[in-house]
């Protein structure tokens, strides 16, 4: 585990230092050891992930971030048991992951609700598949729907909901299975900026009230700093762990902190990892379709 290499961050306030010490004392919810994933392609073998190792502690919210091609989505699919690694292992509370399981939940970027089922029926689906009675599943579904603030819409269908509301239902449906770890693969990526900010606040409220560990995949630096306790930063081609950044921004989080010096310094540090000096891309060639005009610049 590394700490944030910024002036003043070594002299963390006692409150921040105590928070990370408490985090380190919690049980390990998720452990990844030497994870490697290779794909066979017509052009040969491509290594998406190379020797990735890290730990996530109980009730931690960890974000995973990195440039395009670093294997973020591949990583989370392996953690959820939807893909198998080429080598290495994943353990949830010490138990090896060999496929999907009820101890893990998944929320995708796309709206994966069943369109022919109502909000309540979507959330009931998991408990019913687990063998619970209709009465018990309905009671539990209403509790989760109330938690995400959609009680008035329990009989609505997905096509009647906004994008943010659909994702709240998706979160409720995942939590209804009572997983120990929840994986979220850029769940707010398709939302507009205002709705995305609201969903981030909703997620923190839900996480505060539910005994759950969250691994959240994102490409948005502000989102990563705003949500997480620690941020796993990956390098690309192949995906490797570059650094695990401890976020010193105090909790509870609020939108006002986006302009706090600590928040901005943390963001700048991560941006420097992902876009080091001299890494800028060459200017994209442009085909000219008009005669040059000195007044158009």
Protein backbone atom coordinates (compact mmCIF):
# COMPACT_ATOMS: atom_id res chain seq x y z
CA UNK A 1 0.00 0.00 0.00
CA UNK A 2 1.33 3.40 -0.95
CA UNK A 3 0.49 6.83 0.32
CA UNK A 4 -0.05 10.00 -1.61
CA UNK A 5 3.27 11.56 -2.63
CA UNK A 6 2.35 15.23 -2.25
CA UNK A 7 3.76 18.01 -0.02
CA UNK A 8 1.94 18.01 3.27
CA UNK A 9 0.27 14.64 2.78
CA UNK A 10 2.89 12.94 4.92
CA UNK A 11 1.67 15.20 7.71
CA UNK A 12 -1.92 14.05 7.56
CA UNK A 13 -4.29 15.32 10.15
CA UNK A 14 -4.79 12.92 13.08
CA UNK A 15 -8.36 12.30 11.90
CA UNK A 16 -7.28 11.22 8.39
CA UNK A 17 -4.39 9.12 9.69
CA UNK A 18 -6.72 7.39 12.16
CA UNK A 19 -9.25 6.68 9.39
CA UNK A 20 -6.69 4.84 7.26
CA UNK A 21 -5.35 2.97 10.27
CA UNK A 22 -8.90 1.77 11.05
CA UNK A 23 -9.28 0.74 7.41
CA UNK A 24 -6.13 -1.37 7.55
CA UNK A 25 -7.40 -3.14 10.68
CA UNK A 26 -10.60 -4.36 9.01
CA UNK A 27 -10.88 -7.88 7.57
CA UNK A 28 -9.85 -8.31 3.93
CA UNK A 29 -13.04 -8.60 1.88
CA UNK A 30 -11.41 -9.05 -1.52
CA UNK A 31 -7.90 -10.27 -2.29
CA UNK A 32 -6.38 -10.40 -5.77
CA UNK A 33 -3.08 -12.22 -6.24
CA UNK A 34 -0.99 -12.22 -9.40
CA UNK A 35 -3.96 -11.82 -11.71
CA UNK A 36 -3.07 -12.13 -15.40
CA UNK A 37 -5.44 -12.26 -18.36
CA UNK A 38 -4.41 -13.04 -21.94
CA UNK A 39 -6.59 -13.12 -25.04
CA UNK A 40 -5.98 -15.01 -28.27
CA UNK A 41 -6.44 -12.72 -31.27
CA UNK A 42 -5.79 -13.10 -35.01
CA UNK A 43 -2.65 -11.04 -34.49
CA UNK A 44 -1.41 -13.14 -31.59
CA UNK A 45 -1.69 -13.16 -27.82
CA UNK A 46 -2.72 -9.90 -26.14
CA UNK A 47 -2.08 -9.43 -22.41
CA UNK A 48 -4.90 -7.36 -20.91
CA UNK A 49 -3.83 -7.68 -17.26
CA UNK A 50 -0.38 -8.55 -15.97
CA UNK A 51 0.37 -9.68 -12.40
CA UNK A 52 -2.29 -7.51 -10.74
CA UNK A 53 -2.39 -7.78 -6.94
CA UNK A 54 -4.28 -5.74 -4.34
CA UNK A 55 -6.62 -6.00 -1.35
CA UNK A 56 -9.93 -4.35 -0.52
CA UNK A 57 -11.01 -4.21 3.12
CA UNK A 58 -14.47 -4.71 4.53
CA UNK A 59 -16.82 -1.74 3.97
CA UNK A 60 -14.21 0.00 1.85
CA UNK A 61 -15.19 1.84 -1.32
CA UNK A 62 -12.34 1.46 -3.77
CA UNK A 63 -12.33 3.02 -7.23
CA UNK A 64 -10.31 1.57 -10.09
CA UNK A 65 -9.10 4.06 -12.68
CA UNK A 66 -6.69 4.11 -15.58
CA UNK A 67 -6.27 5.06 -19.24
CA UNK A 68 -8.14 3.36 -22.04
CA UNK A 69 -6.81 -0.15 -22.57
CA UNK A 70 -5.73 -0.74 -18.98
CA UNK A 71 -8.19 -3.62 -18.53
CA UNK A 72 -10.59 -2.07 -15.98
CA UNK A 73 -13.69 -3.82 -17.33
CA UNK A 74 -11.82 -7.09 -17.81
CA UNK A 75 -10.65 -6.88 -14.21
CA UNK A 76 -14.11 -6.32 -12.75
CA UNK A 77 -15.61 -9.13 -14.84
CA UNK A 78 -12.98 -11.52 -13.47
CA UNK A 79 -13.64 -10.31 -9.91
CA UNK A 80 -17.36 -10.95 -10.42
CA UNK A 81 -16.66 -14.43 -11.78
CA UNK A 82 -17.94 -13.62 -15.28
CA UNK A 83 -14.54 -14.35 -16.85
CA UNK A 84 -11.69 -16.63 -15.84
CA UNK A 85 -8.10 -15.38 -15.44
CA UNK A 86 -5.19 -16.88 -17.33
CA UNK A 87 -3.34 -17.11 -14.02
CA UNK A 88 -3.60 -15.79 -10.48
CA UNK A 89 -6.51 -15.94 -8.08
CA UNK A 90 -9.34 -13.93 -6.56
CA UNK A 91 -10.65 -14.54 -3.05
CA UNK A 92 -13.70 -13.09 -1.31
CA UNK A 93 -13.35 -13.35 2.46
CA UNK A 94 -10.78 -16.07 1.90
CA UNK A 95 -12.91 -18.18 -0.45
CA UNK A 96 -11.61 -18.60 -4.04
CA UNK A 97 -13.75 -17.20 -6.86
CA UNK A 98 -14.38 -19.72 -9.63
CA UNK A 99 -17.56 -18.27 -11.15
CA UNK A 100 -20.56 -16.04 -10.39
CA UNK A 101 -21.87 -16.26 -6.83
CA UNK A 102 -24.45 -14.71 -4.55
CA UNK A 103 -21.66 -13.26 -2.40
CA UNK A 104 -20.96 -10.79 -5.23
CA UNK A 105 -23.24 -8.35 -7.02
CA UNK A 106 -22.73 -6.50 -10.29
CA UNK A 107 -24.06 -3.22 -11.70
CA UNK A 108 -23.22 -2.48 -15.33
CA UNK A 109 -23.10 0.79 -17.26
CA UNK A 110 -26.00 -0.28 -19.49
CA UNK A 111 -29.52 -0.52 -18.16
CA UNK A 112 -29.85 -4.26 -17.58
CA UNK A 113 -33.36 -4.29 -16.10
CA UNK A 114 -35.97 -6.69 -17.42
CA UNK A 115 -38.24 -4.41 -19.49
CA UNK A 116 -41.31 -6.62 -19.02
CA UNK A 117 -41.08 -6.47 -15.21
CA UNK A 118 -42.02 -3.58 -12.94
CA UNK A 119 -39.53 -1.95 -10.59
CA UNK A 120 -40.74 -4.13 -7.73
CA UNK A 121 -40.65 -7.30 -9.82
CA UNK A 122 -37.11 -6.53 -11.03
CA UNK A 123 -35.90 -6.19 -7.45
CA UNK A 124 -37.82 -9.31 -6.39
CA UNK A 125 -36.21 -11.40 -9.12
CA UNK A 126 -33.03 -12.37 -7.24
CA UNK A 127 -34.70 -13.34 -3.95
CA UNK A 128 -37.31 -15.36 -5.85
CA UNK A 129 -34.58 -17.22 -7.76
CA UNK A 130 -32.94 -17.91 -4.39
CA UNK A 131 -36.11 -19.72 -3.29
CA UNK A 132 -37.80 -17.09 -1.15
CA UNK A 133 -41.57 -16.89 -1.08
CA UNK A 134 -43.37 -14.20 -3.04
CA UNK A 135 -44.44 -12.54 0.21
CA UNK A 136 -40.90 -12.46 1.64
CA UNK A 137 -39.34 -11.33 -1.66
CA UNK A 138 -41.90 -8.55 -2.04
CA UNK A 139 -41.32 -7.31 1.50
CA UNK A 140 -37.57 -7.23 1.01
CA UNK A 141 -37.89 -5.61 -2.41
CA UNK A 142 -39.93 -2.77 -0.96
CA UNK A 143 -37.22 -2.16 1.66
CA UNK A 144 -34.52 -1.87 -1.03
CA UNK A 145 -36.71 0.27 -3.26
CA UNK A 146 -37.36 2.60 -0.34
CA UNK A 147 -33.60 2.75 0.34
CA UNK A 148 -32.92 4.05 -3.19
CA UNK A 149 -35.82 6.51 -2.93
CA UNK A 150 -38.19 4.99 -5.50
CA UNK A 151 -41.13 3.84 -3.39
CA UNK A 152 -43.55 5.89 -5.49
CA UNK A 153 -42.38 4.09 -8.63
CA UNK A 154 -42.45 0.46 -7.49
CA UNK A 155 -45.16 -0.40 -10.05
CA UNK A 156 -43.58 1.55 -12.91
CA UNK A 157 -41.80 -0.17 -15.80
CA UNK A 158 -38.23 0.61 -16.94
CA UNK A 159 -39.34 2.54 -20.03
CA UNK A 160 -41.18 4.95 -17.73
CA UNK A 161 -38.04 5.81 -15.74
CA UNK A 162 -35.16 8.23 -16.29
CA UNK A 163 -31.61 6.93 -16.68
CA UNK A 164 -30.71 7.75 -13.09
CA UNK A 165 -33.83 6.05 -11.78
CA UNK A 166 -33.06 2.92 -13.81
CA UNK A 167 -29.61 2.72 -12.27
CA UNK A 168 -31.06 3.13 -8.78
CA UNK A 169 -33.31 0.15 -9.53
CA UNK A 170 -30.29 -1.78 -10.80
CA UNK A 171 -28.46 -1.04 -7.55
CA UNK A 172 -31.47 -2.11 -5.49
CA UNK A 173 -31.76 -5.31 -7.52
CA UNK A 174 -28.10 -6.12 -6.93
CA UNK A 175 -28.35 -5.39 -3.21
CA UNK A 176 -31.52 -7.47 -2.83
CA UNK A 177 -29.35 -10.57 -3.20
CA UNK A 178 -27.42 -9.36 -0.13
CA UNK A 179 -23.93 -9.68 -1.64
CA UNK A 180 -20.86 -9.09 0.49
CA UNK A 181 -19.06 -7.24 -2.32
CA UNK A 182 -20.66 -5.07 -5.00
CA UNK A 183 -18.87 -4.45 -8.32
CA UNK A 184 -19.88 -1.43 -10.40
CA UNK A 185 -18.58 -1.07 -13.96
CA UNK A 186 -18.88 2.64 -14.85
CA UNK A 187 -22.55 2.60 -13.79
CA UNK A 188 -23.02 6.36 -14.20
CA UNK A 189 -21.03 6.76 -17.42
CA UNK A 190 -24.09 7.14 -19.66
CA UNK A 191 -25.77 9.78 -17.48
CA UNK A 192 -25.67 13.53 -17.94
CA UNK A 193 -23.38 15.49 -15.62
CA UNK A 194 -26.10 16.71 -13.24
CA UNK A 195 -27.72 13.29 -12.86
CA UNK A 196 -24.30 11.70 -12.44
CA UNK A 197 -23.52 13.99 -9.49
CA UNK A 198 -26.84 13.08 -7.87
CA UNK A 199 -26.21 9.37 -8.37
CA UNK A 200 -22.78 9.65 -6.74
CA UNK A 201 -24.42 11.19 -3.65
CA UNK A 202 -27.14 8.51 -3.70
CA UNK A 203 -24.48 5.81 -3.81
CA UNK A 204 -22.63 7.23 -0.81
CA UNK A 205 -25.89 7.39 1.15
CA UNK A 206 -26.68 3.78 0.26
CA UNK A 207 -23.14 2.61 1.10
CA UNK A 208 -23.34 4.38 4.47
CA UNK A 209 -26.49 2.44 5.38
CA UNK A 210 -25.64 -1.01 4.00
CA UNK A 211 -22.94 -3.44 5.15
CA UNK A 212 -21.29 -3.72 1.75
CA UNK A 213 -17.83 -3.44 0.18
CA UNK A 214 -17.76 -1.66 -3.20
CA UNK A 215 -15.30 -1.82 -6.09
CA UNK A 216 -16.20 0.93 -8.54
CA UNK A 217 -14.76 1.18 -12.06
CA UNK A 218 -14.57 4.66 -13.53
CA UNK A 219 -12.61 6.79 -15.98
CA UNK A 220 -13.62 10.04 -14.27
CA UNK A 221 -11.02 11.52 -11.90
CA UNK A 222 -13.48 13.68 -9.96
CA UNK A 223 -15.80 10.71 -9.46
CA UNK A 224 -12.95 8.53 -8.21
CA UNK A 225 -11.75 11.08 -5.65
CA UNK A 226 -15.27 11.97 -4.56
CA UNK A 227 -16.38 8.39 -3.91
CA UNK A 228 -13.43 6.35 -2.74
CA UNK A 229 -11.38 5.58 0.32
CA UNK A 230 -8.53 4.43 -1.90
CA UNK A 231 -7.98 4.51 -5.66
CA UNK A 232 -6.31 1.71 -7.60
CA UNK A 233 -4.51 3.33 -10.54
CA UNK A 234 -3.69 1.03 -13.46
CA UNK A 235 -1.16 1.42 -16.25
CA UNK A 236 -2.20 0.38 -19.75
CA UNK A 237 -0.99 -2.15 -22.34
CA UNK A 238 -0.83 -4.35 -20.34
CA UNK A 239 -2.84 -3.41 -17.27
CA UNK A 240 -0.60 -3.28 -14.22
CA UNK A 241 -0.98 -1.70 -10.78
CA UNK A 242 0.83 1.63 -10.80
CA UNK A 243 -0.19 2.89 -7.37
CA UNK A 244 -2.84 2.60 -4.69
CA UNK A 245 -3.71 6.15 -3.63
CA UNK A 246 -5.18 6.85 -0.21
CA UNK A 247 -7.74 9.65 -0.57
CA UNK A 248 -7.27 12.11 2.31
CA UNK A 249 -10.49 14.03 1.61
CA UNK A 250 -12.53 13.73 4.83
CA UNK A 251 -15.92 12.06 5.02
CA UNK A 252 -18.80 12.69 4.75
CA UNK A 253 -18.26 13.97 1.21
CA UNK A 254 -20.14 16.85 -0.39
CA UNK A 255 -20.09 18.63 -3.74
CA UNK A 256 -18.48 21.65 -2.05
CA UNK A 257 -15.31 19.56 -1.59
CA UNK A 258 -14.74 19.46 -5.35
CA UNK A 259 -13.01 22.82 -4.98
CA UNK A 260 -11.18 21.99 -1.75
CA UNK A 261 -7.36 22.18 -2.07
CA UNK A 262 -6.99 18.61 -0.76
CA UNK A 263 -9.46 17.30 -3.32
CA UNK A 264 -7.82 19.20 -6.17
CA UNK A 265 -4.31 18.13 -5.15
CA UNK A 266 -5.39 14.48 -5.03
CA UNK A 267 -6.97 14.78 -8.45
CA UNK A 268 -3.86 16.45 -9.84
CA UNK A 269 -1.67 13.67 -8.46
CA UNK A 270 -3.72 10.95 -10.17
CA UNK A 271 -3.91 12.93 -13.40
CA UNK A 272 -0.11 13.16 -13.31
CA UNK A 273 0.10 9.37 -13.07
CA UNK A 274 -2.25 8.84 -16.00
CA UNK A 275 -0.84 11.66 -18.14
CA UNK A 276 2.84 12.08 -17.27
CA UNK A 277 4.81 14.93 -18.89
CA UNK A 278 5.73 14.16 -22.49
CA UNK A 279 2.97 11.57 -22.92
CA UNK A 280 0.74 13.81 -25.04
CA UNK A 281 -0.47 12.38 -28.33
CA UNK A 282 0.60 13.81 -31.65
CA UNK A 283 -1.78 16.25 -33.27
CA UNK A 284 -4.46 14.46 -35.28
CA UNK A 285 -4.14 15.11 -39.03
CA UNK A 286 -7.00 17.21 -40.39
CA UNK A 287 -8.27 17.06 -43.97
CA UNK A 288 -9.05 20.57 -45.20
CA UNK A 289 -12.47 20.90 -46.84
CA UNK A 290 -12.49 24.67 -47.32
CA UNK A 291 -10.24 27.37 -48.75
CA UNK A 292 -8.12 28.99 -46.04
CA UNK A 293 -9.63 32.17 -44.58
CA UNK A 294 -7.41 34.40 -42.38
CA UNK A 295 -10.46 35.43 -40.33
CA UNK A 296 -11.22 31.83 -39.36
CA UNK A 297 -8.77 30.57 -36.75
